[in-house]
Amino acid sequence: MDKKSLFSGKTVKIGPESGYDNYIMAIESSCDETACAIVKNGREVVANVVASQIKTHEKFGGVIPEIAAREHLDAINIVVQEAFDQSGLKPEDITAFAGTVGPGLVGCLLVGLNAAKTLALVHDKPFIGVNHLNAHLCANFIDTDLKPPFMALLVSGGHTQIIDVESYSKQTILGETIDDAVGEAYDKVARLIGLPYPGGPRLDKLAQEGNPKAFELPQAKVDGYNFSFSGLKTAVLRLVKSFDGKELPVNDICASFQECVSKTLVKKLKKALEERGYKQVVIAGGVAANSEIRKKVFNLEQEGYRVNAPAMKYCTDNAAMVASCAYFNTNTFDDIDVEVFSRV
């Protein structure tokens, strides 16, 4: 890929065909993590810094966008400097600077994207804007030799998608949620049973101590590869109300809910694999860290599929995946005037 340095306009080759080592510094600030990373050739992480805001938002039961944006402003210079310190590299060693353009919280995205643009301008390097969802897929390239084609299950707080990844840059969404994403469903059910924020990981932990067959919950019948989880959420609400003040079997409710979600996801994923004839499959996104979803997807190895998932630290929002995406994916936003977007 040919990119232009922002000040001098010099052509810089980036990507697997460049013929030399690429060091890309990326910044991610789409929600409540301020992250900066430097990645060599899209696969080798030489610096990875994440400043989390979980403790800040815990007392509110969720992310407050205005507060999150202010915290990004406080942290951005610190994480950038820490990334340089970890790597031992200097700005002149960086091939290009990348940042997340969207989707995400607009005020939060602006902080990281403007920082990436500024670094590129000041140091006369190319700027590469990245789609957050594409970046989650590229987390699978870190520390692996994985190459397309493969089928991907992207599960996050705001998205649930099955994606046909034909090449590094050609990706087709085969199906997605028509209402709640998996992460949203987890957080809403967690609130229903009284779990504090962040609810998803806490629900996962309790589910491991419960009986997944304790309660039979409905799997929505949706055409094609699409998903629906709003009905499941309502079913859990009715289940909780049915106890009418009695002690809730929280672990069993969590386990039954998680069993229903994971079976639904893998059923559609397997259908896509069989119909498209793929033998490689990956999972990506924050919910790819979920124990049962991860387990069921990896069980596909017993049927002859090659399964890949990012290391846990690269499932949730991070900048290493953004840097990898900037290296491999040609569907990027290279215009310095690109604006952030909140939804796909």
C-alpha atoms as a PDB file:
ATOM      1  CA  MET A   1       0.000   0.000   0.000  1.00  0.00           C
ATOM      2  CA  ASP A   2       1.321   3.424  -0.880  1.00  0.00           C
ATOM      3  CA  LYS A   3       0.689   6.119   1.724  1.00  0.00           C
ATOM      4  CA  LYS A   4       1.713   9.766   1.757  1.00  0.00           C
ATOM      5  CA  SER A   5       3.521  11.489   4.605  1.00  0.00           C
ATOM      6  CA  LEU A   6       1.351  14.403   5.658  1.00  0.00           C
ATOM      7  CA  PHE A   7       3.763  17.323   5.439  1.00  0.00           C
ATOM      8  CA  SER A   8       6.217  16.535   2.626  1.00  0.00           C
ATOM      9  CA  GLY A   9       3.918  14.226   0.640  1.00  0.00           C
ATOM     10  CA  LYS A  10       6.639  11.595   0.368  1.00  0.00           C
ATOM     11  CA  THR A  11       5.369   8.145  -0.667  1.00  0.00           C
ATOM     12  CA  VAL A  12       5.766   5.472   1.993  1.00  0.00           C
ATOM     13  CA  LYS A  13       5.099   1.778   1.322  1.00  0.00           C
ATOM     14  CA  ILE A  14       3.191   0.059   4.115  1.00  0.00           C
ATOM     15  CA  GLY A  15       2.066  -3.543   4.452  1.00  0.00           C
ATOM     16  CA  PRO A  16       3.295  -7.078   3.750  1.00  0.00           C
ATOM     17  CA  GLU A  17       4.650  -6.094   0.320  1.00  0.00           C
ATOM     18  CA  SER A  18       6.647  -3.093   1.551  1.00  0.00           C
ATOM     19  CA  GLY A  19       9.949  -4.987   1.661  1.00  0.00           C
ATOM     20  CA  TYR A  20      11.114  -3.577   4.980  1.00  0.00           C
ATOM     21  CA  ASP A  21      10.073  -3.586   8.653  1.00  0.00           C
ATOM     22  CA  ASN A  22       7.049  -1.398   9.395  1.00  0.00           C
ATOM     23  CA  TYR A  23       6.577   0.044  12.879  1.00  0.00           C
ATOM     24  CA  ILE A  24       3.082   1.454  13.290  1.00  0.00           C
ATOM     25  CA  MET A  25       2.028   3.405  16.361  1.00  0.00           C
ATOM     26  CA  ALA A  26      -1.726   3.322  16.931  1.00  0.00           C
ATOM     27  CA  ILE A  27      -4.099   5.010  19.355  1.00  0.00           C
ATOM     28  CA  GLU A  28      -7.493   3.640  20.447  1.00  0.00           C
ATOM     29  CA  SER A  29     -10.014   5.674  22.471  1.00  0.00           C
ATOM     30  CA  SER A  30     -13.432   4.594  21.213  1.00  0.00           C
ATOM     31  CA  CYS A  31     -14.963   3.954  24.637  1.00  0.00           C
ATOM     32  CA  ASP A  32     -13.418   3.729  28.109  1.00  0.00           C
ATOM     33  CA  GLU A  33      -9.831   2.615  27.455  1.00  0.00           C
ATOM     34  CA  THR A  34      -7.080   5.000  26.426  1.00  0.00           C
ATOM     35  CA  ALA A  35      -4.617   2.805  24.559  1.00  0.00           C
ATOM     36  CA  CYS A  36      -1.426   3.205  22.572  1.00  0.00           C
ATOM     37  CA  ALA A  37       0.661   0.476  20.954  1.00  0.00           C
ATOM     38  CA  ILE A  38       3.521  -0.003  18.534  1.00  0.00           C
ATOM     39  CA  VAL A  39       3.394  -3.108  16.344  1.00  0.00           C
ATOM     40  CA  LYS A  40       6.063  -4.432  13.981  1.00  0.00           C
ATOM     41  CA  ASN A  41       4.825  -5.780  10.648  1.00  0.00           C
ATOM     42  CA  GLY A  42       1.267  -6.197  11.894  1.00  0.00           C
ATOM     43  CA  ARG A  43       2.073  -9.167  14.134  1.00  0.00           C
ATOM     44  CA  GLU A  44       4.794  -8.398  16.684  1.00  0.00           C
ATOM     45  CA  VAL A  45       3.785  -6.099  19.550  1.00  0.00           C
ATOM     46  CA  VAL A  46       6.762  -4.073  20.782  1.00  0.00           C
ATOM     47  CA  ALA A  47       4.738  -1.785  23.081  1.00  0.00           C
ATOM     48  CA  ASN A  48       1.201  -2.030  24.435  1.00  0.00           C
ATOM     49  CA  VAL A  49      -0.260   0.431  26.944  1.00  0.00           C
ATOM     50  CA  VAL A  50      -3.883   0.521  28.149  1.00  0.00           C
ATOM     51  CA  ALA A  51      -5.295   2.966  30.707  1.00  0.00           C
ATOM     52  CA  SER A  52      -8.671   1.607  31.836  1.00  0.00           C
ATOM     53  CA  GLN A  53     -11.518   3.699  33.236  1.00  0.00           C
ATOM     54  CA  ILE A  54     -13.526   0.849  34.778  1.00  0.00           C
ATOM     55  CA  LYS A  55     -13.179   2.140  38.345  1.00  0.00           C
ATOM     56  CA  THR A  56     -14.331   5.602  37.266  1.00  0.00           C
ATOM     57  CA  HIS A  57     -17.544   4.328  35.669  1.00  0.00           C
ATOM     58  CA  GLU A  58     -18.292   1.545  38.178  1.00  0.00           C
ATOM     59  CA  LYS A  59     -20.304   3.813  40.459  1.00  0.00           C
ATOM     60  CA  PHE A  60     -22.526   4.904  37.554  1.00  0.00           C
ATOM     61  CA  GLY A  61     -23.292   1.357  36.379  1.00  0.00           C
ATOM     62  CA  GLY A  62     -22.023   2.112  32.872  1.00  0.00           C
ATOM     63  CA  VAL A  63     -19.848   4.412  30.770  1.00  0.00           C
ATOM     64  CA  ILE A  64     -20.661   8.142  30.963  1.00  0.00           C
ATOM     65  CA  PRO A  65     -19.442   9.552  27.608  1.00  0.00           C
ATOM     66  CA  GLU A  66     -18.551  13.067  28.845  1.00  0.00           C
ATOM     67  CA  ILE A  67     -16.540  11.704  31.769  1.00  0.00           C
ATOM     68  CA  ALA A  68     -14.846   9.141  29.537  1.00  0.00           C
ATOM     69  CA  ALA A  69     -13.747  11.847  27.071  1.00  0.00           C
ATOM     70  CA  ARG A  70     -12.204  13.931  29.870  1.00  0.00           C
ATOM     71  CA  GLU A  71     -10.331  10.903  31.184  1.00  0.00           C
ATOM     72  CA  HIS A  72      -8.957  10.265  27.685  1.00  0.00           C
ATOM     73  CA  LEU A  73      -7.646  13.834  27.597  1.00  0.00           C
ATOM     74  CA  ASP A  74      -5.883  13.291  30.921  1.00  0.00           C
ATOM     75  CA  ALA A  75      -4.306   9.995  29.847  1.00  0.00           C
ATOM     76  CA  ILE A  76      -3.459  10.399  26.158  1.00  0.00           C
ATOM     77  CA  ASN A  77      -0.001  11.999  26.443  1.00  0.00           C
ATOM     78  CA  ILE A  78       0.978   9.586  29.203  1.00  0.00           C
ATOM     79  CA  VAL A  79       0.117   6.420  27.247  1.00  0.00           C
ATOM     80  CA  VAL A  80       1.855   7.696  24.098  1.00  0.00           C
ATOM     81  CA  GLN A  81       5.053   8.431  26.011  1.00  0.00           C
ATOM     82  CA  GLU A  82       4.854   5.089  27.815  1.00  0.00           C
ATOM     83  CA  ALA A  83       4.595   3.286  24.460  1.00  0.00           C
ATOM     84  CA  PHE A  84       7.741   5.012  23.233  1.00  0.00           C
ATOM     85  CA  ASP A  85       9.496   4.175  26.505  1.00  0.00           C
ATOM     86  CA  GLN A  86       8.475   0.496  26.369  1.00  0.00           C
ATOM     87  CA  SER A  87       9.643   0.061  22.789  1.00  0.00           C
ATOM     88  CA  GLY A  88      12.848   2.074  22.955  1.00  0.00           C
ATOM     89  CA  LEU A  89      11.840   3.619  19.623  1.00  0.00           C
ATOM     90  CA  LYS A  90      11.755   7.296  18.687  1.00  0.00           C
ATOM     91  CA  PRO A  91       9.183   9.112  16.511  1.00  0.00           C
ATOM     92  CA  GLU A  92      11.520   9.001  13.508  1.00  0.00           C
ATOM     93  CA  ASP A  93      11.527   5.176  13.744  1.00  0.00           C
ATOM     94  CA  ILE A  94       7.757   5.002  13.285  1.00  0.00           C
ATOM     95  CA  THR A  95       6.525   4.182   9.762  1.00  0.00           C
ATOM     96  CA  ALA A  96       3.008   5.579  10.247  1.00  0.00           C
ATOM     97  CA  PHE A  97       0.596   6.726  12.932  1.00  0.00           C
ATOM     98  CA  ALA A  98      -2.897   5.205  13.143  1.00  0.00           C
ATOM     99  CA  GLY A  99      -6.069   5.951  15.073  1.00  0.00           C
ATOM    100  CA  THR A 100      -9.595   4.617  15.459  1.00  0.00           C
ATOM    101  CA  VAL A 101     -12.151   6.586  13.424  1.00  0.00           C
ATOM    102  CA  GLY A 102     -15.254   4.704  14.606  1.00  0.00           C
ATOM    103  CA  PRO A 103     -17.636   3.306  15.574  1.00  0.00           C
ATOM    104  CA  GLY A 104     -17.607   4.481  19.167  1.00  0.00           C
ATOM    105  CA  LEU A 105     -18.404   7.408  21.458  1.00  0.00           C
ATOM    106  CA  VAL A 106     -17.814  10.584  19.452  1.00  0.00           C
ATOM    107  CA  GLY A 107     -16.159  12.644  22.198  1.00  0.00           C
ATOM    108  CA  CYS A 108     -13.880   9.760  23.095  1.00  0.00           C
ATOM    109  CA  LEU A 109     -12.921   8.990  19.497  1.00  0.00           C
ATOM    110  CA  LEU A 110     -11.967  12.628  18.873  1.00  0.00           C
ATOM    111  CA  VAL A 111      -9.281  12.538  21.544  1.00  0.00           C
ATOM    112  CA  GLY A 112      -7.397   9.550  20.143  1.00  0.00           C
ATOM    113  CA  LEU A 113      -7.906  10.351  16.478  1.00  0.00           C
ATOM    114  CA  ASN A 114      -6.710  13.947  16.842  1.00  0.00           C
ATOM    115  CA  ALA A 115      -3.676  12.733  18.774  1.00  0.00           C
ATOM    116  CA  ALA A 116      -2.786  10.309  15.955  1.00  0.00           C
ATOM    117  CA  LYS A 117      -3.279  13.015  13.319  1.00  0.00           C
ATOM    118  CA  THR A 118      -1.113  15.451  15.284  1.00  0.00           C
ATOM    119  CA  LEU A 119       1.713  12.940  15.678  1.00  0.00           C
ATOM    120  CA  ALA A 120       1.624  12.221  11.944  1.00  0.00           C
ATOM    121  CA  LEU A 121       1.719  15.918  11.068  1.00  0.00           C
ATOM    122  CA  VAL A 122       4.457  16.862  13.535  1.00  0.00           C
ATOM    123  CA  HIS A 123       6.722  13.969  12.508  1.00  0.00           C
ATOM    124  CA  ASP A 124       5.836  14.035   8.768  1.00  0.00           C
ATOM    125  CA  LYS A 125       4.544  10.469   8.632  1.00  0.00           C
ATOM    126  CA  PRO A 126       1.463   8.918   6.997  1.00  0.00           C
ATOM    127  CA  PHE A 127      -1.786   8.940   8.951  1.00  0.00           C
ATOM    128  CA  ILE A 128      -4.029   5.850   8.810  1.00  0.00           C
ATOM    129  CA  GLY A 129      -7.592   5.894  10.147  1.00  0.00           C
ATOM    130  CA  VAL A 130      -9.020   2.515  11.110  1.00  0.00           C
ATOM    131  CA  ASN A 131     -12.502   1.040  11.547  1.00  0.00           C
ATOM    132  CA  HIS A 132     -12.804  -0.320  15.088  1.00  0.00           C
ATOM    133  CA  LEU A 133     -14.576  -3.513  13.975  1.00  0.00           C
ATOM    134  CA  ASN A 134     -11.948  -4.312  11.333  1.00  0.00           C
ATOM    135  CA  ALA A 135      -9.344  -3.817  14.029  1.00  0.00           C
ATOM    136  CA  HIS A 136     -10.990  -6.424  16.277  1.00  0.00           C
ATOM    137  CA  LEU A 137     -10.682  -8.976  13.456  1.00  0.00           C
ATOM    138  CA  CYS A 138      -7.007  -8.091  12.988  1.00  0.00           C
ATOM    139  CA  ALA A 139      -6.293  -8.871  16.647  1.00  0.00           C
ATOM    140  CA  ASN A 140      -6.145 -12.465  15.397  1.00  0.00           C
ATOM    141  CA  PHE A 141      -3.015 -11.686  13.359  1.00  0.00           C
ATOM    142  CA  ILE A 142      -1.016 -10.704  16.446  1.00  0.00           C
ATOM    143  CA  ASP A 143       1.554 -13.352  17.439  1.00  0.00           C
ATOM    144  CA  THR A 144       0.201 -15.799  14.821  1.00  0.00           C
ATOM    145  CA  ASP A 145       0.763 -16.808  11.198  1.00  0.00           C
ATOM    146  CA  LEU A 146      -2.973 -16.667  10.419  1.00  0.00           C
ATOM    147  CA  LYS A 147      -3.911 -15.631   6.880  1.00  0.00           C
ATOM    148  CA  PRO A 148      -7.310 -15.292   5.150  1.00  0.00           C
ATOM    149  CA  PRO A 149      -9.629 -16.715   4.027  1.00  0.00           C
ATOM    150  CA  PHE A 150     -11.566 -17.527   7.199  1.00  0.00           C
ATOM    151  CA  MET A 151     -14.977 -17.136   8.791  1.00  0.00           C
ATOM    152  CA  ALA A 152     -15.170 -14.724  11.726  1.00  0.00           C
ATOM    153  CA  LEU A 153     -17.555 -14.379  14.641  1.00  0.00           C
ATOM    154  CA  LEU A 154     -17.327 -10.814  15.960  1.00  0.00           C
ATOM    155  CA  VAL A 155     -18.934 -10.428  19.387  1.00  0.00           C
ATOM    156  CA  SER A 156     -18.679  -7.174  21.319  1.00  0.00           C
ATOM    157  CA  GLY A 157     -20.666  -4.758  23.438  1.00  0.00           C
ATOM    158  CA  GLY A 158     -22.286  -3.143  20.423  1.00  0.00           C
ATOM    159  CA  HIS A 159     -21.973  -5.685  17.603  1.00  0.00           C
ATOM    160  CA  THR A 160     -22.627  -9.327  16.818  1.00  0.00           C
ATOM    161  CA  GLN A 161     -21.660 -10.324  13.297  1.00  0.00           C
ATOM    162  CA  ILE A 162     -20.644 -13.290  11.176  1.00  0.00           C
ATOM    163  CA  ILE A 163     -18.094 -12.076   8.629  1.00  0.00           C
ATOM    164  CA  ASP A 164     -16.684 -13.780   5.559  1.00  0.00           C
ATOM    165  CA  VAL A 165     -13.032 -12.656   5.478  1.00  0.00           C
ATOM    166  CA  GLU A 166     -11.909 -13.465   1.942  1.00  0.00           C
ATOM    167  CA  SER A 167      -8.668 -11.466   2.120  1.00  0.00           C
ATOM    168  CA  TYR A 168      -6.969  -8.929   4.347  1.00  0.00           C
ATOM    169  CA  SER A 169      -9.169  -6.216   2.873  1.00  0.00           C
ATOM    170  CA  LYS A 170     -12.231  -7.964   1.440  1.00  0.00           C
ATOM    171  CA  GLN A 171     -14.756  -8.697   4.169  1.00  0.00           C
ATOM    172  CA  THR A 172     -18.477  -9.392   3.812  1.00  0.00           C
ATOM    173  CA  ILE A 173     -20.936  -9.288   6.706  1.00  0.00           C
ATOM    174  CA  LEU A 174     -23.168 -12.345   6.283  1.00  0.00           C
ATOM    175  CA  GLY A 175     -25.337 -11.736   9.330  1.00  0.00           C
ATOM    176  CA  GLU A 176     -25.662  -9.544  12.390  1.00  0.00           C
ATOM    177  CA  THR A 177     -27.919  -8.857  15.332  1.00  0.00           C
ATOM    178  CA  ILE A 178     -31.260  -7.229  14.587  1.00  0.00           C
ATOM    179  CA  ASP A 179     -31.551  -5.852  18.136  1.00  0.00           C
ATOM    180  CA  ASP A 180     -29.305  -6.320  21.176  1.00  0.00           C
ATOM    181  CA  ALA A 181     -25.695  -7.283  20.592  1.00  0.00           C
ATOM    182  CA  VAL A 182     -24.285 -10.106  22.716  1.00  0.00           C
ATOM    183  CA  GLY A 183     -22.422  -7.720  25.001  1.00  0.00           C
ATOM    184  CA  GLU A 184     -25.539  -5.590  25.503  1.00  0.00           C
ATOM    185  CA  ALA A 185     -27.580  -8.685  26.348  1.00  0.00           C
ATOM    186  CA  TYR A 186     -24.987  -9.769  28.916  1.00  0.00           C
ATOM    187  CA  ASP A 187     -24.905  -6.353  30.577  1.00  0.00           C
ATOM    188  CA  LYS A 188     -28.711  -6.039  30.693  1.00  0.00           C
ATOM    189  CA  VAL A 189     -29.186  -9.520  32.139  1.00  0.00           C
ATOM    190  CA  ALA A 190     -26.429  -8.831  34.663  1.00  0.00           C
ATOM    191  CA  ARG A 191     -28.339  -5.747  35.832  1.00  0.00           C
ATOM    192  CA  LEU A 192     -31.579  -7.757  36.067  1.00  0.00           C
ATOM    193  CA  ILE A 193     -30.000 -10.122  38.582  1.00  0.00           C
ATOM    194  CA  GLY A 194     -28.223  -7.373  40.501  1.00  0.00           C
ATOM    195  CA  LEU A 195     -24.640  -7.705  39.295  1.00  0.00           C
ATOM    196  CA  PRO A 196     -22.496  -4.540  39.340  1.00  0.00           C
ATOM    197  CA  TYR A 197     -20.785  -3.005  36.283  1.00  0.00           C
ATOM    198  CA  PRO A 198     -19.075  -4.413  34.265  1.00  0.00           C
ATOM    199  CA  GLY A 199     -21.721  -7.125  34.282  1.00  0.00           C
ATOM    200  CA  GLY A 200     -20.600  -9.388  31.426  1.00  0.00           C
ATOM    201  CA  PRO A 201     -17.377 -10.754  32.970  1.00  0.00           C
ATOM    202  CA  ARG A 202     -19.076 -11.152  36.360  1.00  0.00           C
ATOM    203  CA  LEU A 203     -21.944 -13.101  34.792  1.00  0.00           C
ATOM    204  CA  ASP A 204     -19.461 -15.343  32.995  1.00  0.00           C
ATOM    205  CA  LYS A 205     -17.670 -16.101  36.265  1.00  0.00           C
ATOM    206  CA  LEU A 206     -20.890 -17.006  38.122  1.00  0.00           C
ATOM    207  CA  ALA A 207     -22.088 -19.118  35.182  1.00  0.00           C
ATOM    208  CA  GLN A 208     -19.112 -21.406  35.611  1.00  0.00           C
ATOM    209  CA  GLU A 209     -20.467 -22.341  39.041  1.00  0.00           C
ATOM    210  CA  GLY A 210     -24.059 -22.936  37.878  1.00  0.00           C
ATOM    211  CA  ASN A 211     -26.092 -25.593  36.048  1.00  0.00           C
ATOM    212  CA  PRO A 212     -26.499 -24.685  32.350  1.00  0.00           C
ATOM    213  CA  LYS A 213     -29.535 -26.980  32.119  1.00  0.00           C
ATOM    214  CA  ALA A 214     -31.351 -25.527  35.124  1.00  0.00           C
ATOM    215  CA  PHE A 215     -33.660 -23.373  33.005  1.00  0.00           C
ATOM    216  CA  GLU A 216     -34.662 -23.791  29.367  1.00  0.00           C
ATOM    217  CA  LEU A 217     -34.433 -20.398  27.688  1.00  0.00           C
ATOM    218  CA  PRO A 218     -35.575 -19.637  24.115  1.00  0.00           C
ATOM    219  CA  GLN A 219     -33.318 -19.358  21.082  1.00  0.00           C
ATOM    220  CA  ALA A 220     -34.773 -16.812  18.663  1.00  0.00           C
ATOM    221  CA  LYS A 221     -35.661 -18.130  15.212  1.00  0.00           C
ATOM    222  CA  VAL A 222     -34.149 -15.560  12.856  1.00  0.00           C
ATOM    223  CA  ASP A 223     -33.613 -16.048   9.131  1.00  0.00           C
ATOM    224  CA  GLY A 224     -30.176 -16.528   7.601  1.00  0.00           C
ATOM    225  CA  TYR A 225     -27.148 -15.700   9.687  1.00  0.00           C
ATOM    226  CA  ASN A 226     -28.813 -12.938  11.721  1.00  0.00           C
ATOM    227  CA  PHE A 227     -29.271 -12.932  15.498  1.00  0.00           C
ATOM    228  CA  SER A 228     -31.777 -11.632  18.032  1.00  0.00           C
ATOM    229  CA  PHE A 229     -31.237 -11.514  21.796  1.00  0.00           C
ATOM    230  CA  SER A 230     -33.968  -9.151  22.993  1.00  0.00           C
ATOM    231  CA  GLY A 231     -36.427 -12.031  23.449  1.00  0.00           C
ATOM    232  CA  LEU A 232     -33.893 -13.957  25.513  1.00  0.00           C
ATOM    233  CA  LYS A 233     -33.395 -10.922  27.730  1.00  0.00           C
ATOM    234  CA  THR A 234     -37.185 -10.691  28.241  1.00  0.00           C
ATOM    235  CA  ALA A 235     -37.336 -14.400  29.085  1.00  0.00           C
ATOM    236  CA  VAL A 236     -34.721 -13.908  31.798  1.00  0.00           C
ATOM    237  CA  LEU A 237     -36.688 -10.938  33.153  1.00  0.00           C
ATOM    238  CA  ARG A 238     -39.810 -13.104  33.456  1.00  0.00           C
ATOM    239  CA  LEU A 239     -37.772 -15.862  35.079  1.00  0.00           C
ATOM    240  CA  VAL A 240     -36.407 -13.445  37.671  1.00  0.00           C
ATOM    241  CA  LYS A 241     -39.893 -12.066  38.406  1.00  0.00           C
ATOM    242  CA  SER A 242     -41.252 -15.588  38.827  1.00  0.00           C
ATOM    243  CA  PHE A 243     -39.267 -15.967  42.034  1.00  0.00           C
ATOM    244  CA  ASP A 244     -41.318 -13.091  43.519  1.00  0.00           C
ATOM    245  CA  GLY A 245     -39.017 -12.133  46.361  1.00  0.00           C
ATOM    246  CA  LYS A 246     -37.578 -15.604  46.927  1.00  0.00           C
ATOM    247  CA  GLU A 247     -33.832 -16.090  46.751  1.00  0.00           C
ATOM    248  CA  LEU A 248     -32.633 -16.128  43.146  1.00  0.00           C
ATOM    249  CA  PRO A 249     -30.551 -19.100  41.969  1.00  0.00           C
ATOM    250  CA  VAL A 250     -28.155 -16.589  40.406  1.00  0.00           C
ATOM    251  CA  ASN A 251     -25.477 -19.052  39.309  1.00  0.00           C
ATOM    252  CA  ASP A 252     -28.009 -21.290  37.554  1.00  0.00           C
ATOM    253  CA  ILE A 253     -29.663 -18.334  35.799  1.00  0.00           C
ATOM    254  CA  CYS A 254     -26.257 -17.123  34.595  1.00  0.00           C
ATOM    255  CA  ALA A 255     -25.267 -20.594  33.396  1.00  0.00           C
ATOM    256  CA  SER A 256     -28.580 -21.163  31.584  1.00  0.00           C
ATOM    257  CA  PHE A 257     -28.406 -17.747  29.907  1.00  0.00           C
ATOM    258  CA  GLN A 258     -24.793 -18.280  28.845  1.00  0.00           C
ATOM    259  CA  GLU A 259     -25.562 -21.741  27.487  1.00  0.00           C
ATOM    260  CA  CYS A 260     -28.378 -20.357  25.345  1.00  0.00           C
ATOM    261  CA  VAL A 261     -26.262 -17.503  23.967  1.00  0.00           C
ATOM    262  CA  SER A 262     -23.215 -19.638  23.185  1.00  0.00           C
ATOM    263  CA  LYS A 263     -25.278 -22.374  21.481  1.00  0.00           C
ATOM    264  CA  THR A 264     -27.054 -19.780  19.333  1.00  0.00           C
ATOM    265  CA  LEU A 265     -23.798 -18.172  18.221  1.00  0.00           C
ATOM    266  CA  VAL A 266     -21.991 -21.394  17.374  1.00  0.00           C
ATOM    267  CA  LYS A 267     -25.003 -22.866  15.569  1.00  0.00           C
ATOM    268  CA  LYS A 268     -25.059 -19.947  13.106  1.00  0.00           C
ATOM    269  CA  LEU A 269     -21.267 -19.868  12.840  1.00  0.00           C
ATOM    270  CA  LYS A 270     -21.117 -23.561  11.969  1.00  0.00           C
ATOM    271  CA  LYS A 271     -23.846 -23.089   9.364  1.00  0.00           C
ATOM    272  CA  ALA A 272     -21.755 -20.359   7.700  1.00  0.00           C
ATOM    273  CA  LEU A 273     -18.631 -22.536   7.748  1.00  0.00           C
ATOM    274  CA  GLU A 274     -20.428 -25.473   6.153  1.00  0.00           C
ATOM    275  CA  GLU A 275     -22.193 -23.434   3.485  1.00  0.00           C
ATOM    276  CA  ARG A 276     -19.069 -21.460   2.537  1.00  0.00           C
ATOM    277  CA  GLY A 277     -16.719 -24.434   2.748  1.00  0.00           C
ATOM    278  CA  TYR A 278     -14.186 -22.756   5.046  1.00  0.00           C
ATOM    279  CA  LYS A 279     -11.872 -24.691   7.346  1.00  0.00           C
ATOM    280  CA  GLN A 280     -10.552 -21.692   9.300  1.00  0.00           C
ATOM    281  CA  VAL A 281     -12.590 -19.790  11.876  1.00  0.00           C
ATOM    282  CA  VAL A 282     -11.787 -16.965  14.274  1.00  0.00           C
ATOM    283  CA  ILE A 283     -13.574 -15.133  17.068  1.00  0.00           C
ATOM    284  CA  ALA A 284     -12.962 -11.483  17.889  1.00  0.00           C
ATOM    285  CA  GLY A 285     -14.242  -8.652  20.060  1.00  0.00           C
ATOM    286  CA  GLY A 286     -14.531  -8.114  23.796  1.00  0.00           C
ATOM    287  CA  VAL A 287     -16.995 -10.983  24.269  1.00  0.00           C
ATOM    288  CA  ALA A 288     -14.480 -13.345  22.628  1.00  0.00           C
ATOM    289  CA  ALA A 289     -12.952 -13.454  26.122  1.00  0.00           C
ATOM    290  CA  ASN A 290     -16.116 -15.181  27.412  1.00  0.00           C
ATOM    291  CA  SER A 291     -15.235 -18.655  28.692  1.00  0.00           C
ATOM    292  CA  GLU A 292     -18.198 -20.615  27.311  1.00  0.00           C
ATOM    293  CA  ILE A 293     -18.326 -18.921  23.899  1.00  0.00           C
ATOM    294  CA  ARG A 294     -14.589 -19.428  23.542  1.00  0.00           C
ATOM    295  CA  LYS A 295     -14.864 -23.073  24.613  1.00  0.00           C
ATOM    296  CA  LYS A 296     -17.676 -23.897  22.190  1.00  0.00           C
ATOM    297  CA  VAL A 297     -15.906 -22.257  19.248  1.00  0.00           C
ATOM    298  CA  PHE A 298     -12.670 -24.121  20.014  1.00  0.00           C
ATOM    299  CA  ASN A 299     -14.664 -27.363  20.197  1.00  0.00           C
ATOM    300  CA  LEU A 300     -14.991 -26.986  16.416  1.00  0.00           C
ATOM    301  CA  GLU A 301     -11.371 -28.185  16.235  1.00  0.00           C
ATOM    302  CA  GLN A 302     -12.731 -31.669  16.986  1.00  0.00           C
ATOM    303  CA  GLU A 303     -14.584 -31.445  13.655  1.00  0.00           C
ATOM    304  CA  GLY A 304     -11.482 -30.559  11.655  1.00  0.00           C
ATOM    305  CA  TYR A 305     -11.597 -26.761  11.749  1.00  0.00           C
ATOM    306  CA  ARG A 306      -8.619 -24.553  12.533  1.00  0.00           C
ATOM    307  CA  VAL A 307      -9.744 -22.135  15.263  1.00  0.00           C
ATOM    308  CA  ASN A 308      -8.021 -18.930  16.302  1.00  0.00           C
ATOM    309  CA  ALA A 309      -8.798 -16.365  18.999  1.00  0.00           C
ATOM    310  CA  PRO A 310      -6.767 -13.385  20.192  1.00  0.00           C
ATOM    311  CA  ALA A 311      -4.975 -13.526  23.523  1.00  0.00           C
ATOM    312  CA  MET A 312      -7.300 -12.240  26.261  1.00  0.00           C
ATOM    313  CA  LYS A 313      -5.546  -8.865  26.429  1.00  0.00           C
ATOM    314  CA  TYR A 314      -6.198  -8.300  22.711  1.00  0.00           C
ATOM    315  CA  CYS A 315      -9.925  -9.214  22.876  1.00  0.00           C
ATOM    316  CA  THR A 316     -11.012  -6.082  24.698  1.00  0.00           C
ATOM    317  CA  ASP A 317     -10.304  -2.628  23.240  1.00  0.00           C
ATOM    318  CA  ASN A 318      -6.589  -2.062  22.650  1.00  0.00           C
ATOM    319  CA  ALA A 319      -4.349  -0.220  20.215  1.00  0.00           C
ATOM    320  CA  ALA A 320      -2.283  -3.219  19.059  1.00  0.00           C
ATOM    321  CA  MET A 321      -5.219  -4.450  16.980  1.00  0.00           C
ATOM    322  CA  VAL A 322      -5.566  -0.972  15.439  1.00  0.00           C
ATOM    323  CA  ALA A 323      -1.893  -0.990  14.422  1.00  0.00           C
ATOM    324  CA  SER A 324      -2.236  -4.479  12.926  1.00  0.00           C
ATOM    325  CA  CYS A 325      -5.276  -3.354  10.944  1.00  0.00           C
ATOM    326  CA  ALA A 326      -3.421  -0.285   9.650  1.00  0.00           C
ATOM    327  CA  TYR A 327      -0.686  -2.612   8.356  1.00  0.00           C
ATOM    328  CA  PHE A 328      -2.843  -5.306   6.718  1.00  0.00           C
ATOM    329  CA  ASN A 329      -6.104  -3.650   5.682  1.00  0.00           C
ATOM    330  CA  THR A 330      -6.285  -1.376   2.645  1.00  0.00           C
ATOM    331  CA  ASN A 331      -9.833  -0.238   3.536  1.00  0.00           C
ATOM    332  CA  THR A 332      -8.607   2.580   5.744  1.00  0.00           C
ATOM    333  CA  PHE A 333      -9.268   6.312   6.091  1.00  0.00           C
ATOM    334  CA  ASP A 334      -6.113   8.153   5.053  1.00  0.00           C
ATOM    335  CA  ASP A 335      -7.527  11.669   4.633  1.00  0.00           C
ATOM    336  CA  ILE A 336      -6.363  13.971   7.433  1.00  0.00           C
ATOM    337  CA  ASP A 337      -9.843  15.561   7.338  1.00  0.00           C
ATOM    338  CA  VAL A 338     -11.656  12.295   8.117  1.00  0.00           C
ATOM    339  CA  GLU A 339     -14.261  12.713  10.853  1.00  0.00           C
ATOM    340  CA  VAL A 340     -15.205  10.254  13.579  1.00  0.00           C
ATOM    341  CA  PHE A 341     -18.449   8.280  13.392  1.00  0.00           C
ATOM    342  CA  SER A 342     -20.507   6.690  16.144  1.00  0.00           C
ATOM    343  CA  ARG A 343     -22.216   3.873  14.228  1.00  0.00           C
ATOM    344  CA  VAL A 344     -21.512   1.716  11.188  1.00  0.00           C
END
